[in-house]
Amino acid sequence: MIYEYLTNFSKASLAIWLVALLTTSVFRFLFPHYLIKRSSFEPVLFLTILMACLQICWELLIGSMFGDNSLKELVAALWYLGFALSDWVLLFVVFWVLKRFSLASCYCTDTILISYAVMGLMQLIRYCDRYILELNSFGFFYKNGIPAINCIITIVVIWQAISICHGLLKSTKEVS
């Protein structure tokens, strides 16, 4: 039951992330005078949404190959290693963007970075557990961990979006 709840919430996460990005971007556009420092929230959330969309395409591509038993090991390697690689590519791109544009990191950015690092590591551990060591002992953690991490990211994104919008609205009322 918990797994189904986490999975369904995890699937809705992408839409929630997109709404948060659009909302905070509109608020920042409407109230540009009240920005004290440039935040990493919107660029990092945009990159995260982009990566999630690419991962959905990867999932559809690789998922269509799961039925062919002759490709079982190749499909497993592409699945786990592909997701691990994409998670870590996101980390490096975000670090580059933060440095290149001198953006201040925030709690939400740190949470996203840590979450994607953990998810990439979980992909590798699960691949080793299932196909190299053939133990299959990490399945429960993998099955529930990835959706749970996406739920955590979503909660933090919602909190950050509300904080940004509230702060911008509060700044406009203090000046008026």
N, C-alpha and C. Protein backbone atom coordinates (compact mmCIF):
# COMPACT_ATOMS: atom_id res chain seq x y z
N MET A 1 0.82 -1.19 0.00
CA MET A 1 0.00 0.00 0.00
C MET A 1 0.87 1.26 0.00
N ILE A 2 1.89 1.28 0.84
CA ILE A 2 2.77 2.45 0.88
C ILE A 2 3.48 2.62 -0.46
N TYR A 3 3.88 1.49 -1.06
CA TYR A 3 4.58 1.55 -2.34
C TYR A 3 3.70 2.21 -3.41
N GLU A 4 2.42 1.83 -3.48
CA GLU A 4 1.51 2.41 -4.47
C GLU A 4 1.33 3.90 -4.23
N TYR A 5 1.19 4.28 -2.96
CA TYR A 5 1.03 5.70 -2.64
C TYR A 5 2.27 6.49 -3.06
N LEU A 6 3.45 5.98 -2.70
CA LEU A 6 4.70 6.66 -3.06
C LEU A 6 4.87 6.75 -4.57
N THR A 7 4.56 5.67 -5.26
CA THR A 7 4.71 5.65 -6.72
C THR A 7 3.77 6.64 -7.38
N ASN A 8 2.52 6.68 -6.96
CA ASN A 8 1.56 7.63 -7.54
C ASN A 8 1.97 9.06 -7.25
N PHE A 9 2.39 9.34 -6.03
CA PHE A 9 2.84 10.69 -5.68
C PHE A 9 4.09 11.06 -6.47
N SER A 10 4.97 10.08 -6.64
CA SER A 10 6.20 10.30 -7.38
C SER A 10 5.91 10.64 -8.84
N LYS A 11 4.91 9.99 -9.41
CA LYS A 11 4.53 10.27 -10.80
C LYS A 11 3.96 11.68 -10.94
N ALA A 12 3.27 12.16 -9.94
CA ALA A 12 2.70 13.50 -9.97
C ALA A 12 3.76 14.57 -9.68
N SER A 13 4.91 14.17 -9.20
CA SER A 13 5.96 15.11 -8.81
C SER A 13 6.37 16.03 -9.94
N LEU A 14 6.52 15.49 -11.13
CA LEU A 14 6.97 16.29 -12.27
C LEU A 14 6.01 17.46 -12.52
N ALA A 15 4.72 17.21 -12.46
CA ALA A 15 3.74 18.28 -12.66
C ALA A 15 3.82 19.32 -11.54
N ILE A 16 4.01 18.85 -10.31
CA ILE A 16 4.12 19.76 -9.17
C ILE A 16 5.38 20.61 -9.30
N TRP A 17 6.50 19.98 -9.71
CA TRP A 17 7.75 20.73 -9.91
C TRP A 17 7.56 21.81 -10.97
N LEU A 18 6.85 21.47 -12.05
CA LEU A 18 6.63 22.44 -13.13
C LEU A 18 5.78 23.61 -12.65
N VAL A 19 4.74 23.34 -11.88
CA VAL A 19 3.91 24.41 -11.33
C VAL A 19 4.73 25.31 -10.40
N ALA A 20 5.56 24.72 -9.58
CA ALA A 20 6.41 25.51 -8.66
C ALA A 20 7.37 26.39 -9.46
N LEU A 21 7.97 25.84 -10.50
CA LEU A 21 8.89 26.62 -11.33
C LEU A 21 8.17 27.78 -12.00
N LEU A 22 7.03 27.52 -12.58
CA LEU A 22 6.28 28.58 -13.25
C LEU A 22 5.81 29.65 -12.27
N THR A 23 5.34 29.22 -11.11
CA THR A 23 4.85 30.17 -10.11
C THR A 23 5.96 31.10 -9.63
N THR A 24 7.09 30.54 -9.24
CA THR A 24 8.17 31.38 -8.73
C THR A 24 8.76 32.25 -9.83
N SER A 25 8.81 31.73 -11.05
CA SER A 25 9.33 32.54 -12.16
C SER A 25 8.42 33.72 -12.45
N VAL A 26 7.12 33.49 -12.41
CA VAL A 26 6.17 34.60 -12.63
C VAL A 26 6.30 35.62 -11.51
N PHE A 27 6.39 35.17 -10.26
CA PHE A 27 6.55 36.10 -9.15
C PHE A 27 7.83 36.91 -9.27
N ARG A 28 8.90 36.26 -9.65
CA ARG A 28 10.17 36.99 -9.80
C ARG A 28 10.09 37.98 -10.96
N PHE A 29 9.34 37.63 -11.99
CA PHE A 29 9.16 38.55 -13.12
C PHE A 29 8.30 39.74 -12.70
N LEU A 30 7.27 39.49 -11.93
CA LEU A 30 6.37 40.57 -11.50
C LEU A 30 7.00 41.50 -10.47
N PHE A 31 7.91 40.97 -9.66
CA PHE A 31 8.54 41.76 -8.61
C PHE A 31 10.05 41.75 -8.74
N PRO A 32 10.60 42.23 -9.85
CA PRO A 32 12.06 42.15 -10.04
C PRO A 32 12.85 43.06 -9.10
N HIS A 33 12.24 44.11 -8.60
CA HIS A 33 12.95 45.07 -7.75
C HIS A 33 13.23 44.53 -6.36
N TYR A 34 12.57 43.46 -6.00
CA TYR A 34 12.69 42.95 -4.65
C TYR A 34 13.63 41.75 -4.54
N LEU A 35 14.36 41.49 -5.59
CA LEU A 35 15.32 40.38 -5.55
C LEU A 35 16.62 40.87 -4.94
N ILE A 36 16.97 40.33 -3.82
CA ILE A 36 18.20 40.72 -3.14
C ILE A 36 19.39 40.00 -3.75
N LYS A 37 19.28 38.71 -3.94
CA LYS A 37 20.36 37.94 -4.56
C LYS A 37 19.75 36.92 -5.51
N ARG A 38 20.56 36.55 -6.47
CA ARG A 38 20.08 35.56 -7.42
C ARG A 38 20.09 34.19 -6.76
N SER A 39 19.01 33.49 -6.92
CA SER A 39 18.85 32.19 -6.29
C SER A 39 19.07 31.08 -7.32
N SER A 40 19.47 29.94 -6.83
CA SER A 40 19.67 28.78 -7.70
C SER A 40 18.39 27.99 -7.89
N PHE A 41 17.32 28.36 -7.20
CA PHE A 41 16.10 27.55 -7.19
C PHE A 41 15.54 27.31 -8.59
N GLU A 42 15.24 28.35 -9.33
CA GLU A 42 14.60 28.17 -10.64
C GLU A 42 15.50 27.46 -11.64
N PRO A 43 16.78 27.85 -11.79
CA PRO A 43 17.61 27.11 -12.75
C PRO A 43 17.78 25.64 -12.39
N VAL A 44 17.96 25.35 -11.12
CA VAL A 44 18.14 23.96 -10.70
C VAL A 44 16.85 23.18 -10.88
N LEU A 45 15.73 23.78 -10.56
CA LEU A 45 14.45 23.10 -10.75
C LEU A 45 14.20 22.87 -12.24
N PHE A 46 14.53 23.85 -13.07
CA PHE A 46 14.39 23.67 -14.52
C PHE A 46 15.24 22.50 -15.02
N LEU A 47 16.49 22.44 -14.59
CA LEU A 47 17.37 21.34 -14.99
C LEU A 47 16.85 19.99 -14.47
N THR A 48 16.30 19.99 -13.27
CA THR A 48 15.74 18.76 -12.71
C THR A 48 14.54 18.30 -13.51
N ILE A 49 13.68 19.24 -13.89
CA ILE A 49 12.51 18.89 -14.71
C ILE A 49 12.97 18.37 -16.07
N LEU A 50 13.94 19.02 -16.66
CA LEU A 50 14.47 18.57 -17.94
C LEU A 50 15.03 17.15 -17.83
N MET A 51 15.80 16.89 -16.78
CA MET A 51 16.36 15.56 -16.58
C MET A 51 15.25 14.53 -16.35
N ALA A 52 14.22 14.90 -15.59
CA ALA A 52 13.11 13.97 -15.35
C ALA A 52 12.41 13.62 -16.66
N CYS A 53 12.24 14.60 -17.54
CA CYS A 53 11.63 14.34 -18.85
C CYS A 53 12.51 13.41 -19.69
N LEU A 54 13.81 13.65 -19.67
CA LEU A 54 14.74 12.77 -20.40
C LEU A 54 14.72 11.36 -19.82
N GLN A 55 14.61 11.26 -18.50
CA GLN A 55 14.56 9.94 -17.88
C GLN A 55 13.26 9.21 -18.21
N ILE A 56 12.17 9.94 -18.36
CA ILE A 56 10.91 9.31 -18.77
C ILE A 56 11.05 8.75 -20.18
N CYS A 57 11.68 9.52 -21.07
CA CYS A 57 11.92 9.03 -22.44
C CYS A 57 12.81 7.79 -22.41
N TRP A 58 13.86 7.81 -21.58
CA TRP A 58 14.75 6.66 -21.42
C TRP A 58 13.98 5.45 -20.90
N GLU A 59 13.12 5.69 -19.93
CA GLU A 59 12.31 4.60 -19.36
C GLU A 59 11.41 3.98 -20.42
N LEU A 60 10.79 4.81 -21.24
CA LEU A 60 9.92 4.29 -22.30
C LEU A 60 10.72 3.51 -23.34
N LEU A 61 11.88 4.01 -23.70
CA LEU A 61 12.73 3.34 -24.68
C LEU A 61 13.22 2.00 -24.16
N ILE A 62 13.78 1.99 -22.97
CA ILE A 62 14.32 0.76 -22.39
C ILE A 62 13.19 -0.18 -21.97
N GLY A 63 12.11 0.38 -21.45
CA GLY A 63 10.98 -0.44 -21.02
C GLY A 63 10.38 -1.25 -22.14
N SER A 64 10.41 -0.72 -23.34
CA SER A 64 9.86 -1.46 -24.48
C SER A 64 10.71 -2.67 -24.84
N MET A 65 11.94 -2.71 -24.37
CA MET A 65 12.85 -3.82 -24.68
C MET A 65 12.82 -4.92 -23.60
N PHE A 66 12.10 -4.71 -22.50
CA PHE A 66 12.09 -5.66 -21.39
C PHE A 66 11.52 -7.02 -21.77
N GLY A 67 10.64 -7.09 -22.73
CA GLY A 67 10.00 -8.35 -23.08
C GLY A 67 10.92 -9.34 -23.78
N ASP A 68 11.99 -8.87 -24.38
CA ASP A 68 12.91 -9.73 -25.13
C ASP A 68 13.93 -10.36 -24.18
N ASN A 69 13.81 -11.66 -23.93
CA ASN A 69 14.71 -12.35 -22.99
C ASN A 69 16.15 -12.41 -23.47
N SER A 70 16.36 -12.34 -24.79
CA SER A 70 17.73 -12.40 -25.30
C SER A 70 18.51 -11.13 -24.97
N LEU A 71 17.79 -10.05 -24.65
CA LEU A 71 18.43 -8.77 -24.33
C LEU A 71 18.36 -8.45 -22.84
N LYS A 72 18.02 -9.43 -22.03
CA LYS A 72 17.75 -9.19 -20.61
C LYS A 72 18.92 -8.49 -19.90
N GLU A 73 20.12 -8.99 -20.05
CA GLU A 73 21.27 -8.40 -19.36
C GLU A 73 21.62 -7.02 -19.91
N LEU A 74 21.51 -6.86 -21.22
CA LEU A 74 21.77 -5.55 -21.82
C LEU A 74 20.75 -4.53 -21.35
N VAL A 75 19.49 -4.92 -21.34
CA VAL A 75 18.43 -4.01 -20.90
C VAL A 75 18.63 -3.63 -19.44
N ALA A 76 18.99 -4.58 -18.60
CA ALA A 76 19.23 -4.30 -17.17
C ALA A 76 20.38 -3.32 -17.01
N ALA A 77 21.45 -3.54 -17.75
CA ALA A 77 22.60 -2.63 -17.66
C ALA A 77 22.22 -1.24 -18.15
N LEU A 78 21.50 -1.18 -19.26
CA LEU A 78 21.08 0.13 -19.77
C LEU A 78 20.14 0.82 -18.79
N TRP A 79 19.26 0.07 -18.16
CA TRP A 79 18.30 0.64 -17.21
C TRP A 79 19.02 1.24 -16.00
N TYR A 80 19.71 0.42 -15.26
CA TYR A 80 20.32 0.87 -14.01
C TYR A 80 21.48 1.84 -14.24
N LEU A 81 22.36 1.49 -15.15
CA LEU A 81 23.52 2.35 -15.39
C LEU A 81 23.13 3.64 -16.10
N GLY A 82 22.12 3.57 -16.96
CA GLY A 82 21.63 4.78 -17.63
C GLY A 82 21.03 5.78 -16.66
N PHE A 83 20.23 5.27 -15.73
CA PHE A 83 19.64 6.17 -14.73
C PHE A 83 20.70 6.70 -13.78
N ALA A 84 21.65 5.86 -13.39
CA ALA A 84 22.72 6.33 -12.51
C ALA A 84 23.53 7.43 -13.21
N LEU A 85 23.88 7.19 -14.44
CA LEU A 85 24.65 8.18 -15.20
C LEU A 85 23.88 9.48 -15.36
N SER A 86 22.61 9.39 -15.68
CA SER A 86 21.82 10.62 -15.86
C SER A 86 21.67 11.39 -14.55
N ASP A 87 21.54 10.68 -13.44
CA ASP A 87 21.46 11.35 -12.13
C ASP A 87 22.74 12.13 -11.85
N TRP A 88 23.88 11.51 -12.14
CA TRP A 88 25.15 12.17 -11.86
C TRP A 88 25.49 13.26 -12.88
N VAL A 89 25.01 13.11 -14.10
CA VAL A 89 25.18 14.19 -15.09
C VAL A 89 24.43 15.43 -14.60
N LEU A 90 23.24 15.23 -14.04
CA LEU A 90 22.50 16.36 -13.48
C LEU A 90 23.32 17.06 -12.41
N LEU A 91 23.96 16.30 -11.55
CA LEU A 91 24.79 16.90 -10.49
C LEU A 91 25.88 17.79 -11.08
N PHE A 92 26.60 17.27 -12.06
CA PHE A 92 27.70 18.04 -12.64
C PHE A 92 27.21 19.26 -13.39
N VAL A 93 26.08 19.14 -14.08
CA VAL A 93 25.52 20.30 -14.80
C VAL A 93 25.08 21.37 -13.80
N VAL A 94 24.44 20.96 -12.72
CA VAL A 94 24.00 21.92 -11.70
C VAL A 94 25.21 22.60 -11.06
N PHE A 95 26.24 21.84 -10.71
CA PHE A 95 27.44 22.46 -10.14
C PHE A 95 28.06 23.46 -11.12
N TRP A 96 28.07 23.13 -12.40
CA TRP A 96 28.62 24.03 -13.40
C TRP A 96 27.78 25.31 -13.48
N VAL A 97 26.46 25.17 -13.50
CA VAL A 97 25.57 26.34 -13.57
C VAL A 97 25.74 27.22 -12.34
N LEU A 98 25.82 26.62 -11.16
CA LEU A 98 26.00 27.40 -9.93
C LEU A 98 27.30 28.20 -9.99
N LYS A 99 28.35 27.56 -10.43
CA LYS A 99 29.64 28.25 -10.49
C LYS A 99 29.67 29.29 -11.61
N ARG A 100 29.17 28.91 -12.77
CA ARG A 100 29.23 29.79 -13.95
C ARG A 100 28.46 31.09 -13.75
N PHE A 101 27.29 30.99 -13.12
CA PHE A 101 26.44 32.16 -12.95
C PHE A 101 26.46 32.72 -11.53
N SER A 102 27.37 32.25 -10.72
CA SER A 102 27.54 32.72 -9.33
C SER A 102 26.22 32.75 -8.57
N LEU A 103 25.52 31.64 -8.60
CA LEU A 103 24.23 31.56 -7.93
C LEU A 103 24.40 31.05 -6.50
N ALA A 104 23.63 31.63 -5.62
CA ALA A 104 23.66 31.20 -4.22
C ALA A 104 22.86 29.91 -4.08
N SER A 105 23.48 28.93 -3.47
CA SER A 105 22.80 27.66 -3.25
C SER A 105 21.78 27.84 -2.13
N CYS A 106 20.70 27.11 -2.23
CA CYS A 106 19.67 27.17 -1.20
C CYS A 106 19.40 25.75 -0.69
N TYR A 107 18.58 25.66 0.32
CA TYR A 107 18.25 24.37 0.92
C TYR A 107 17.65 23.43 -0.12
N CYS A 108 16.80 23.96 -0.97
CA CYS A 108 16.15 23.14 -1.99
C CYS A 108 17.17 22.59 -2.98
N THR A 109 18.10 23.43 -3.40
CA THR A 109 19.16 22.98 -4.33
C THR A 109 19.98 21.89 -3.68
N ASP A 110 20.37 22.09 -2.44
CA ASP A 110 21.17 21.08 -1.74
C ASP A 110 20.41 19.76 -1.61
N THR A 111 19.11 19.84 -1.32
CA THR A 111 18.29 18.64 -1.20
C THR A 111 18.20 17.90 -2.53
N ILE A 112 18.00 18.64 -3.61
CA ILE A 112 17.93 18.02 -4.94
C ILE A 112 19.26 17.35 -5.28
N LEU A 113 20.36 18.03 -5.02
CA LEU A 113 21.68 17.47 -5.34
C LEU A 113 21.96 16.20 -4.54
N ILE A 114 21.69 16.25 -3.25
CA ILE A 114 21.91 15.07 -2.40
C ILE A 114 21.00 13.93 -2.84
N SER A 115 19.76 14.26 -3.15
CA SER A 115 18.79 13.24 -3.56
C SER A 115 19.22 12.55 -4.84
N TYR A 116 19.66 13.33 -5.82
CA TYR A 116 20.08 12.71 -7.08
C TYR A 116 21.37 11.92 -6.92
N ALA A 117 22.25 12.36 -6.04
CA ALA A 117 23.47 11.58 -5.77
C ALA A 117 23.09 10.24 -5.15
N VAL A 118 22.16 10.26 -4.19
CA VAL A 118 21.71 9.02 -3.54
C VAL A 118 20.98 8.12 -4.54
N MET A 119 20.13 8.70 -5.38
CA MET A 119 19.42 7.87 -6.36
C MET A 119 20.39 7.23 -7.35
N GLY A 120 21.40 7.97 -7.79
CA GLY A 120 22.41 7.39 -8.67
C GLY A 120 23.14 6.24 -8.00
N LEU A 121 23.47 6.43 -6.74
CA LEU A 121 24.14 5.37 -5.98
C LEU A 121 23.21 4.16 -5.79
N MET A 122 21.94 4.42 -5.54
CA MET A 122 20.97 3.33 -5.40
C MET A 122 20.86 2.52 -6.69
N GLN A 123 20.91 3.19 -7.83
CA GLN A 123 20.85 2.49 -9.12
C GLN A 123 22.03 1.54 -9.25
N LEU A 124 23.23 2.02 -8.91
CA LEU A 124 24.42 1.18 -9.01
C LEU A 124 24.38 0.01 -8.04
N ILE A 125 23.97 0.29 -6.81
CA ILE A 125 23.89 -0.77 -5.80
C ILE A 125 22.88 -1.83 -6.24
N ARG A 126 21.75 -1.38 -6.74
CA ARG A 126 20.71 -2.33 -7.17
C ARG A 126 21.20 -3.17 -8.35
N TYR A 127 21.90 -2.57 -9.28
CA TYR A 127 22.43 -3.32 -10.42
C TYR A 127 23.42 -4.39 -9.94
N CYS A 128 24.33 -3.99 -9.07
CA CYS A 128 25.31 -4.95 -8.53
C CYS A 128 24.62 -6.05 -7.73
N ASP A 129 23.66 -5.66 -6.91
CA ASP A 129 22.93 -6.60 -6.07
C ASP A 129 22.16 -7.62 -6.91
N ARG A 130 21.54 -7.16 -7.95
CA ARG A 130 20.64 -8.02 -8.72
C ARG A 130 21.35 -8.82 -9.82
N TYR A 131 22.30 -8.20 -10.49
CA TYR A 131 22.86 -8.86 -11.67
C TYR A 131 24.31 -9.31 -11.52
N ILE A 132 25.10 -8.67 -10.70
CA ILE A 132 26.49 -9.08 -10.54
C ILE A 132 26.61 -10.08 -9.40
N LEU A 133 26.12 -9.69 -8.22
CA LEU A 133 26.18 -10.58 -7.06
C LEU A 133 25.02 -11.57 -7.00
N GLU A 134 23.95 -11.27 -7.70
CA GLU A 134 22.74 -12.10 -7.76
C GLU A 134 22.16 -12.41 -6.38
N LEU A 135 22.17 -11.41 -5.52
CA LEU A 135 21.62 -11.56 -4.17
C LEU A 135 20.15 -11.15 -4.11
N ASN A 136 19.83 -10.10 -4.83
CA ASN A 136 18.47 -9.55 -4.86
C ASN A 136 17.97 -9.17 -3.46
N SER A 137 18.88 -8.65 -2.63
CA SER A 137 18.51 -8.26 -1.27
C SER A 137 18.20 -6.77 -1.13
N PHE A 138 18.50 -5.99 -2.14
CA PHE A 138 18.30 -4.54 -2.08
C PHE A 138 16.99 -4.11 -2.74
N GLY A 139 16.22 -5.07 -3.22
CA GLY A 139 14.99 -4.78 -3.96
C GLY A 139 13.98 -3.92 -3.22
N PHE A 140 13.75 -4.24 -1.96
CA PHE A 140 12.77 -3.49 -1.17
C PHE A 140 13.17 -2.02 -1.05
N PHE A 141 14.45 -1.78 -0.73
CA PHE A 141 14.93 -0.41 -0.56
C PHE A 141 14.89 0.35 -1.88
N TYR A 142 15.23 -0.32 -2.95
CA TYR A 142 15.21 0.31 -4.27
C TYR A 142 13.77 0.64 -4.68
N LYS A 143 12.89 -0.34 -4.53
CA LYS A 143 11.49 -0.19 -4.95
C LYS A 143 10.80 0.96 -4.21
N ASN A 144 11.11 1.13 -2.95
CA ASN A 144 10.47 2.17 -2.15
C ASN A 144 11.32 3.44 -2.04
N GLY A 145 12.62 3.29 -2.16
CA GLY A 145 13.53 4.43 -1.97
C GLY A 145 13.43 5.49 -3.04
N ILE A 146 13.41 5.08 -4.31
CA ILE A 146 13.36 6.05 -5.41
C ILE A 146 12.08 6.89 -5.34
N PRO A 147 10.89 6.29 -5.23
CA PRO A 147 9.68 7.12 -5.10
C PRO A 147 9.68 7.98 -3.83
N ALA A 148 10.22 7.46 -2.72
CA ALA A 148 10.26 8.23 -1.49
C ALA A 148 11.16 9.47 -1.65
N ILE A 149 12.29 9.30 -2.31
CA ILE A 149 13.18 10.44 -2.54
C ILE A 149 12.50 11.48 -3.43
N ASN A 150 11.78 11.03 -4.45
CA ASN A 150 11.05 11.98 -5.29
C ASN A 150 9.98 12.73 -4.49
N CYS A 151 9.35 12.05 -3.55
CA CYS A 151 8.36 12.71 -2.69
C CYS A 151 9.03 13.77 -1.80
N ILE A 152 10.19 13.44 -1.27
CA ILE A 152 10.93 14.39 -0.43
C ILE A 152 11.30 15.63 -1.25
N ILE A 153 11.81 15.40 -2.45
CA ILE A 153 12.17 16.52 -3.33
C ILE A 153 10.94 17.39 -3.58
N THR A 154 9.81 16.76 -3.83
CA THR A 154 8.58 17.51 -4.13
C THR A 154 8.15 18.36 -2.94
N ILE A 155 8.20 17.81 -1.76
CA ILE A 155 7.82 18.57 -0.56
C ILE A 155 8.75 19.77 -0.38
N VAL A 156 10.04 19.57 -0.57
CA VAL A 156 11.01 20.66 -0.43
C VAL A 156 10.79 21.72 -1.51
N VAL A 157 10.48 21.29 -2.72
CA VAL A 157 10.23 22.23 -3.82
C VAL A 157 8.99 23.08 -3.52
N ILE A 158 7.94 22.44 -3.05
CA ILE A 158 6.72 23.19 -2.69
C ILE A 158 7.03 24.19 -1.58
N TRP A 159 7.75 23.77 -0.56
CA TRP A 159 8.11 24.66 0.55
C TRP A 159 8.93 25.85 0.05
N GLN A 160 9.91 25.58 -0.80
CA GLN A 160 10.75 26.66 -1.32
C GLN A 160 9.93 27.63 -2.18
N ALA A 161 9.06 27.10 -3.02
CA ALA A 161 8.23 27.96 -3.88
C ALA A 161 7.32 28.85 -3.05
N ILE A 162 6.72 28.28 -2.01
CA ILE A 162 5.86 29.08 -1.12
C ILE A 162 6.69 30.14 -0.41
N SER A 163 7.88 29.77 0.05
CA SER A 163 8.75 30.73 0.74
C SER A 163 9.14 31.89 -0.16
N ILE A 164 9.49 31.58 -1.40
CA ILE A 164 9.88 32.64 -2.35
C ILE A 164 8.72 33.56 -2.63
N CYS A 165 7.56 32.99 -2.95
CA CYS A 165 6.39 33.82 -3.26
C CYS A 165 5.95 34.63 -2.06
N HIS A 166 5.95 34.03 -0.88
CA HIS A 166 5.58 34.75 0.33
C HIS A 166 6.57 35.90 0.61
N GLY A 167 7.85 35.61 0.46
CA GLY A 167 8.86 36.65 0.68
C GLY A 167 8.73 37.81 -0.28
N LEU A 168 8.43 37.51 -1.55
CA LEU A 168 8.26 38.59 -2.53
C LEU A 168 7.00 39.40 -2.25
N LEU A 169 5.93 38.73 -1.86
CA LEU A 169 4.70 39.46 -1.52
C LEU A 169 4.90 40.31 -0.28
N LYS A 170 5.59 39.77 0.70
CA LYS A 170 5.86 40.51 1.94
C LYS A 170 6.71 41.75 1.66
N SER A 171 7.69 41.60 0.76
CA SER A 171 8.55 42.75 0.40
C SER A 171 7.76 43.85 -0.27
N THR A 172 6.79 43.50 -1.10
CA THR A 172 6.00 44.54 -1.78
C THR A 172 5.09 45.25 -0.80
N LYS A 173 4.57 44.55 0.19
CA LYS A 173 3.68 45.17 1.18
C LYS A 173 4.45 46.10 2.10
N GLU A 174 5.70 45.75 2.42
CA GLU A 174 6.51 46.61 3.31
C GLU A 174 6.87 47.91 2.63
N VAL A 175 7.06 47.89 1.31
CA VAL A 175 7.44 49.10 0.58
C VAL A 175 6.25 49.99 0.34
N SER A 176 5.05 49.37 0.16
CA SER A 176 3.85 50.16 -0.15
C SER A 176 3.44 51.08 0.96
